[in-house]
Structures are given as structure tokens and as C-alpha cells.
Amino acid sequence: MSVLPKEVTGKDLEQILVENRVLVDFYSANCGPCKMLSFVLNEVAKETAENITIVKINFGENKETVEKYGVEGYPTLILFDNGQEIKRMKGLQQKTAILKMINADKS
């Protein structure tokens, strides 16, 4: 079973958000920081596989979803809990910062 972040569409995202905790990476395939963040998220996914679902949304292919969540640039990470946004980070982030974001708001 793979724990790496999976690519989803905006339609898929709506179904996934009903899960407890979901981290969404809004990215662009041509974005250097997005590519670097992808490697970081792979490491985060390995450490948090039991606690959170991590998915990726292509910024250019999911314009409606990008607009719905008010994403203005990439990369943008949004943490959801039971469908509600609880935290947002913009730009390239370090693994420790992402783990802190995920673990800080645990109920």
C-alpha cells in the first residue's frame, strides 16, 4: 500500500474531504517550488499515513476548485478537518513546519 500523496480532481476532493483530516497541496506541474514541495510531502506522508490523507490538486486543471477555496498561488497547502479548513500555508515549506501544522490542531 502506498502512502504517497495521490493526485485527485476537484470532484474527487469533495468526496475525500468527508474523511477526518486531509492535507491538500495545490500545485502547478511547471513550478520549481511545487516540485521541491512534492519531495517534502512524500516524507511527511510516510510519517503521518495513519493520521491524515494527503492529496494533490493541479492548479491549472482544477480552476473551479482553486476558486472555491480561494487559492491565489502555488504551492498552497490547506489542512481540512471534517471538511472545514483549519490551516493554510503558502509557498515552499520545510517538513518540520508541515508536521507542526498537522499535529498542532489535533483534537
N, C-alpha and C. Protein backbone atom coordinates (compact mmCIF):
# COMPACT_ATOMS: atom_id res chain seq x y z
N MET A 1 0.84 -1.19 0.00
CA MET A 1 0.00 0.00 0.00
C MET A 1 0.87 1.25 0.00
N SER A 2 0.59 2.15 -0.88
CA SER A 2 1.38 3.38 -0.99
C SER A 2 0.81 4.44 -0.06
N VAL A 3 1.71 5.17 0.59
CA VAL A 3 1.28 6.26 1.46
C VAL A 3 1.58 7.60 0.82
N LEU A 4 2.13 7.58 -0.39
CA LEU A 4 2.49 8.83 -1.05
C LEU A 4 1.25 9.63 -1.41
N PRO A 5 1.36 10.95 -1.44
CA PRO A 5 0.21 11.78 -1.82
C PRO A 5 -0.29 11.39 -3.21
N LYS A 6 -1.60 11.35 -3.37
CA LYS A 6 -2.15 11.00 -4.67
C LYS A 6 -2.79 12.21 -5.32
N GLU A 7 -2.75 12.21 -6.64
CA GLU A 7 -3.35 13.29 -7.44
C GLU A 7 -4.85 13.04 -7.53
N VAL A 8 -5.63 14.08 -7.28
CA VAL A 8 -7.09 13.98 -7.39
C VAL A 8 -7.63 15.17 -8.16
N THR A 9 -8.87 15.04 -8.59
CA THR A 9 -9.56 16.15 -9.26
C THR A 9 -10.38 16.90 -8.22
N GLY A 10 -10.91 18.03 -8.61
CA GLY A 10 -11.77 18.79 -7.72
C GLY A 10 -12.99 17.99 -7.28
N LYS A 11 -13.54 17.21 -8.19
CA LYS A 11 -14.71 16.38 -7.87
C LYS A 11 -14.35 15.32 -6.84
N ASP A 12 -13.19 14.69 -7.01
CA ASP A 12 -12.70 13.68 -6.05
C ASP A 12 -12.49 14.32 -4.68
N LEU A 13 -11.98 15.54 -4.68
CA LEU A 13 -11.65 16.22 -3.43
C LEU A 13 -12.87 16.35 -2.54
N GLU A 14 -14.00 16.69 -3.12
CA GLU A 14 -15.21 16.86 -2.31
C GLU A 14 -15.57 15.58 -1.56
N GLN A 15 -15.34 14.43 -2.17
CA GLN A 15 -15.63 13.16 -1.51
C GLN A 15 -14.58 12.84 -0.45
N ILE A 16 -13.32 13.20 -0.71
CA ILE A 16 -12.23 12.91 0.22
C ILE A 16 -12.33 13.78 1.47
N LEU A 17 -12.83 15.00 1.32
CA LEU A 17 -12.88 15.92 2.46
C LEU A 17 -13.80 15.46 3.59
N VAL A 18 -14.67 14.49 3.32
CA VAL A 18 -15.52 13.98 4.40
C VAL A 18 -14.73 13.09 5.35
N GLU A 19 -13.50 12.69 4.94
CA GLU A 19 -12.62 11.95 5.84
C GLU A 19 -12.18 12.90 6.95
N ASN A 20 -11.63 12.35 8.01
CA ASN A 20 -11.28 13.17 9.17
C ASN A 20 -10.33 14.31 8.86
N ARG A 21 -9.10 14.00 8.48
CA ARG A 21 -8.10 15.04 8.27
C ARG A 21 -7.48 14.86 6.89
N VAL A 22 -7.47 15.95 6.12
CA VAL A 22 -6.95 15.91 4.76
C VAL A 22 -6.06 17.13 4.55
N LEU A 23 -4.86 16.89 4.02
CA LEU A 23 -3.95 17.97 3.63
C LEU A 23 -3.96 18.02 2.11
N VAL A 24 -4.29 19.19 1.57
CA VAL A 24 -4.39 19.35 0.12
C VAL A 24 -3.25 20.24 -0.36
N ASP A 25 -2.51 19.76 -1.35
CA ASP A 25 -1.42 20.50 -1.98
C ASP A 25 -1.91 21.00 -3.33
N PHE A 26 -2.13 22.32 -3.43
CA PHE A 26 -2.46 22.93 -4.71
C PHE A 26 -1.14 23.28 -5.38
N TYR A 27 -0.89 22.71 -6.56
CA TYR A 27 0.41 22.86 -7.20
C TYR A 27 0.28 23.07 -8.70
N SER A 28 1.40 23.44 -9.33
CA SER A 28 1.50 23.53 -10.78
C SER A 28 2.66 22.64 -11.22
N ALA A 29 2.46 21.92 -12.31
CA ALA A 29 3.49 21.00 -12.81
C ALA A 29 4.77 21.72 -13.23
N ASN A 30 4.66 23.00 -13.59
CA ASN A 30 5.83 23.75 -14.06
C ASN A 30 6.49 24.59 -12.97
N CYS A 31 6.08 24.44 -11.76
CA CYS A 31 6.54 25.27 -10.64
C CYS A 31 7.68 24.57 -9.90
N GLY A 32 8.85 25.21 -9.87
CA GLY A 32 10.01 24.64 -9.18
C GLY A 32 9.77 24.38 -7.71
N PRO A 33 9.28 25.39 -6.95
CA PRO A 33 9.00 25.14 -5.54
C PRO A 33 7.95 24.04 -5.32
N CYS A 34 7.00 23.91 -6.24
CA CYS A 34 5.99 22.85 -6.14
C CYS A 34 6.64 21.48 -6.25
N LYS A 35 7.59 21.35 -7.17
CA LYS A 35 8.29 20.08 -7.34
C LYS A 35 9.10 19.74 -6.10
N MET A 36 9.75 20.75 -5.51
CA MET A 36 10.52 20.52 -4.29
C MET A 36 9.60 20.15 -3.14
N LEU A 37 8.44 20.81 -3.06
CA LEU A 37 7.48 20.51 -2.00
C LEU A 37 6.95 19.08 -2.13
N SER A 38 6.85 18.60 -3.35
CA SER A 38 6.39 17.23 -3.58
C SER A 38 7.27 16.22 -2.87
N PHE A 39 8.59 16.42 -2.92
CA PHE A 39 9.52 15.53 -2.22
C PHE A 39 9.31 15.62 -0.71
N VAL A 40 9.10 16.82 -0.21
CA VAL A 40 8.86 17.02 1.22
C VAL A 40 7.57 16.32 1.65
N LEU A 41 6.52 16.46 0.84
CA LEU A 41 5.24 15.83 1.18
C LEU A 41 5.32 14.31 1.16
N ASN A 42 6.16 13.76 0.29
CA ASN A 42 6.35 12.31 0.29
C ASN A 42 6.89 11.85 1.64
N GLU A 43 7.82 12.61 2.20
CA GLU A 43 8.38 12.28 3.51
C GLU A 43 7.34 12.47 4.62
N VAL A 44 6.58 13.55 4.53
CA VAL A 44 5.52 13.80 5.52
C VAL A 44 4.49 12.66 5.47
N ALA A 45 4.14 12.24 4.28
CA ALA A 45 3.14 11.17 4.11
C ALA A 45 3.59 9.88 4.79
N LYS A 46 4.87 9.58 4.70
CA LYS A 46 5.38 8.36 5.32
C LYS A 46 5.23 8.40 6.84
N GLU A 47 5.34 9.58 7.42
CA GLU A 47 5.27 9.72 8.87
C GLU A 47 3.85 9.89 9.39
N THR A 48 2.93 10.29 8.54
CA THR A 48 1.59 10.62 9.00
C THR A 48 0.50 9.76 8.36
N ALA A 49 0.88 8.68 7.71
CA ALA A 49 -0.06 7.88 6.92
C ALA A 49 -1.30 7.44 7.70
N GLU A 50 -1.15 7.17 8.99
CA GLU A 50 -2.29 6.70 9.78
C GLU A 50 -3.18 7.84 10.26
N ASN A 51 -2.68 9.06 10.22
CA ASN A 51 -3.40 10.18 10.82
C ASN A 51 -4.06 11.13 9.82
N ILE A 52 -3.60 11.11 8.58
CA ILE A 52 -4.06 12.13 7.64
C ILE A 52 -3.96 11.60 6.21
N THR A 53 -4.84 12.10 5.35
CA THR A 53 -4.78 11.81 3.92
C THR A 53 -4.17 13.03 3.24
N ILE A 54 -3.17 12.80 2.39
CA ILE A 54 -2.54 13.90 1.66
C ILE A 54 -2.84 13.73 0.18
N VAL A 55 -3.40 14.78 -0.43
CA VAL A 55 -3.73 14.73 -1.86
C VAL A 55 -3.18 15.97 -2.55
N LYS A 56 -3.07 15.86 -3.87
CA LYS A 56 -2.54 16.94 -4.70
C LYS A 56 -3.60 17.35 -5.72
N ILE A 57 -3.74 18.66 -5.91
CA ILE A 57 -4.68 19.22 -6.89
C ILE A 57 -3.87 20.07 -7.87
N ASN A 58 -3.95 19.74 -9.16
CA ASN A 58 -3.27 20.53 -10.18
C ASN A 58 -4.00 21.85 -10.36
N PHE A 59 -3.28 22.94 -10.09
CA PHE A 59 -3.82 24.29 -10.12
C PHE A 59 -4.49 24.61 -11.46
N GLY A 60 -3.81 24.28 -12.56
CA GLY A 60 -4.30 24.63 -13.89
C GLY A 60 -5.46 23.79 -14.38
N GLU A 61 -5.59 22.58 -13.88
CA GLU A 61 -6.62 21.66 -14.36
C GLU A 61 -7.88 21.67 -13.50
N ASN A 62 -7.87 22.42 -12.41
CA ASN A 62 -8.99 22.41 -11.48
C ASN A 62 -9.36 23.82 -11.05
N LYS A 63 -9.60 24.67 -12.04
CA LYS A 63 -9.83 26.10 -11.78
C LYS A 63 -11.02 26.35 -10.84
N GLU A 64 -12.09 25.60 -11.01
CA GLU A 64 -13.26 25.79 -10.15
C GLU A 64 -12.93 25.51 -8.68
N THR A 65 -12.18 24.46 -8.45
CA THR A 65 -11.79 24.10 -7.09
C THR A 65 -10.85 25.14 -6.51
N VAL A 66 -9.91 25.61 -7.31
CA VAL A 66 -8.97 26.66 -6.89
C VAL A 66 -9.76 27.90 -6.47
N GLU A 67 -10.73 28.29 -7.27
CA GLU A 67 -11.54 29.46 -6.95
C GLU A 67 -12.41 29.23 -5.71
N LYS A 68 -12.98 28.05 -5.61
CA LYS A 68 -13.86 27.73 -4.47
C LYS A 68 -13.14 27.90 -3.14
N TYR A 69 -11.86 27.49 -3.10
CA TYR A 69 -11.10 27.56 -1.85
C TYR A 69 -10.21 28.80 -1.76
N GLY A 70 -10.36 29.71 -2.71
CA GLY A 70 -9.64 30.98 -2.63
C GLY A 70 -8.13 30.85 -2.71
N VAL A 71 -7.66 29.87 -3.46
CA VAL A 71 -6.22 29.67 -3.62
C VAL A 71 -5.71 30.66 -4.65
N GLU A 72 -4.77 31.50 -4.25
CA GLU A 72 -4.29 32.57 -5.12
C GLU A 72 -2.94 32.29 -5.77
N GLY A 73 -2.23 31.29 -5.31
CA GLY A 73 -0.93 30.98 -5.88
C GLY A 73 -0.53 29.56 -5.51
N TYR A 74 0.57 29.16 -6.03
CA TYR A 74 1.06 27.81 -5.74
C TYR A 74 2.54 27.84 -5.42
N PRO A 75 2.99 26.89 -4.61
CA PRO A 75 2.18 25.88 -3.92
C PRO A 75 1.42 26.48 -2.73
N THR A 76 0.26 25.92 -2.48
CA THR A 76 -0.54 26.26 -1.30
C THR A 76 -0.98 24.96 -0.65
N LEU A 77 -0.78 24.85 0.65
CA LEU A 77 -1.24 23.71 1.42
C LEU A 77 -2.42 24.14 2.27
N ILE A 78 -3.50 23.35 2.24
CA ILE A 78 -4.65 23.62 3.09
C ILE A 78 -4.96 22.35 3.88
N LEU A 79 -5.05 22.51 5.19
CA LEU A 79 -5.39 21.40 6.08
C LEU A 79 -6.88 21.48 6.41
N PHE A 80 -7.58 20.38 6.16
CA PHE A 80 -9.01 20.29 6.45
C PHE A 80 -9.24 19.25 7.54
N ASP A 81 -10.23 19.52 8.37
CA ASP A 81 -10.66 18.54 9.37
C ASP A 81 -12.18 18.45 9.26
N ASN A 82 -12.66 17.27 8.92
CA ASN A 82 -14.09 17.05 8.70
C ASN A 82 -14.69 18.07 7.74
N GLY A 83 -13.96 18.36 6.66
CA GLY A 83 -14.45 19.24 5.61
C GLY A 83 -14.24 20.72 5.85
N GLN A 84 -13.76 21.09 7.02
CA GLN A 84 -13.55 22.50 7.35
C GLN A 84 -12.07 22.86 7.28
N GLU A 85 -11.75 23.98 6.64
CA GLU A 85 -10.36 24.44 6.59
C GLU A 85 -9.95 24.89 7.98
N ILE A 86 -8.80 24.37 8.45
CA ILE A 86 -8.32 24.79 9.76
C ILE A 86 -6.95 25.47 9.70
N LYS A 87 -6.24 25.32 8.59
CA LYS A 87 -4.92 25.95 8.47
C LYS A 87 -4.53 26.02 7.01
N ARG A 88 -3.73 27.05 6.67
CA ARG A 88 -3.27 27.25 5.30
C ARG A 88 -1.84 27.75 5.33
N MET A 89 -1.01 27.21 4.41
CA MET A 89 0.38 27.66 4.26
C MET A 89 0.64 27.89 2.78
N LYS A 90 1.34 28.99 2.48
CA LYS A 90 1.67 29.31 1.09
C LYS A 90 3.17 29.18 0.88
N GLY A 91 3.54 28.74 -0.31
CA GLY A 91 4.95 28.64 -0.67
C GLY A 91 5.59 27.35 -0.22
N LEU A 92 6.85 27.21 -0.57
CA LEU A 92 7.63 26.02 -0.20
C LEU A 92 7.80 25.98 1.31
N GLN A 93 7.53 24.82 1.90
CA GLN A 93 7.62 24.65 3.35
C GLN A 93 8.57 23.51 3.69
N GLN A 94 9.15 23.60 4.86
CA GLN A 94 10.00 22.53 5.34
C GLN A 94 9.14 21.44 5.99
N LYS A 95 9.68 20.25 6.02
CA LYS A 95 8.98 19.11 6.60
C LYS A 95 8.54 19.40 8.04
N THR A 96 9.43 19.98 8.84
CA THR A 96 9.10 20.24 10.24
C THR A 96 7.92 21.20 10.37
N ALA A 97 7.84 22.20 9.51
CA ALA A 97 6.72 23.15 9.55
C ALA A 97 5.41 22.47 9.19
N ILE A 98 5.45 21.59 8.20
CA ILE A 98 4.23 20.88 7.79
C ILE A 98 3.77 19.93 8.88
N LEU A 99 4.71 19.20 9.47
CA LEU A 99 4.36 18.29 10.56
C LEU A 99 3.79 19.06 11.75
N LYS A 100 4.36 20.21 12.05
CA LYS A 100 3.87 21.04 13.14
C LYS A 100 2.43 21.48 12.85
N MET A 101 2.16 21.89 11.60
CA MET A 101 0.81 22.31 11.22
C MET A 101 -0.17 21.16 11.39
N ILE A 102 0.21 19.97 10.94
CA ILE A 102 -0.67 18.81 11.01
C ILE A 102 -0.95 18.42 12.46
N ASN A 103 0.08 18.44 13.30
CA ASN A 103 -0.06 17.97 14.66
C ASN A 103 -0.57 19.02 15.65
N ALA A 104 -0.47 20.29 15.31
CA ALA A 104 -0.83 21.37 16.24
C ALA A 104 -2.31 21.41 16.55
N ASP A 105 -3.14 21.11 15.59
CA ASP A 105 -4.58 21.28 15.77
C ASP A 105 -5.32 19.97 16.00
N LYS A 106 -4.61 18.92 16.40
CA LYS A 106 -5.28 17.63 16.62
C LYS A 106 -6.27 17.75 17.76
N SER A 107 -7.40 17.18 17.54
CA SER A 107 -8.44 17.19 18.58
C SER A 107 -8.21 16.08 19.56
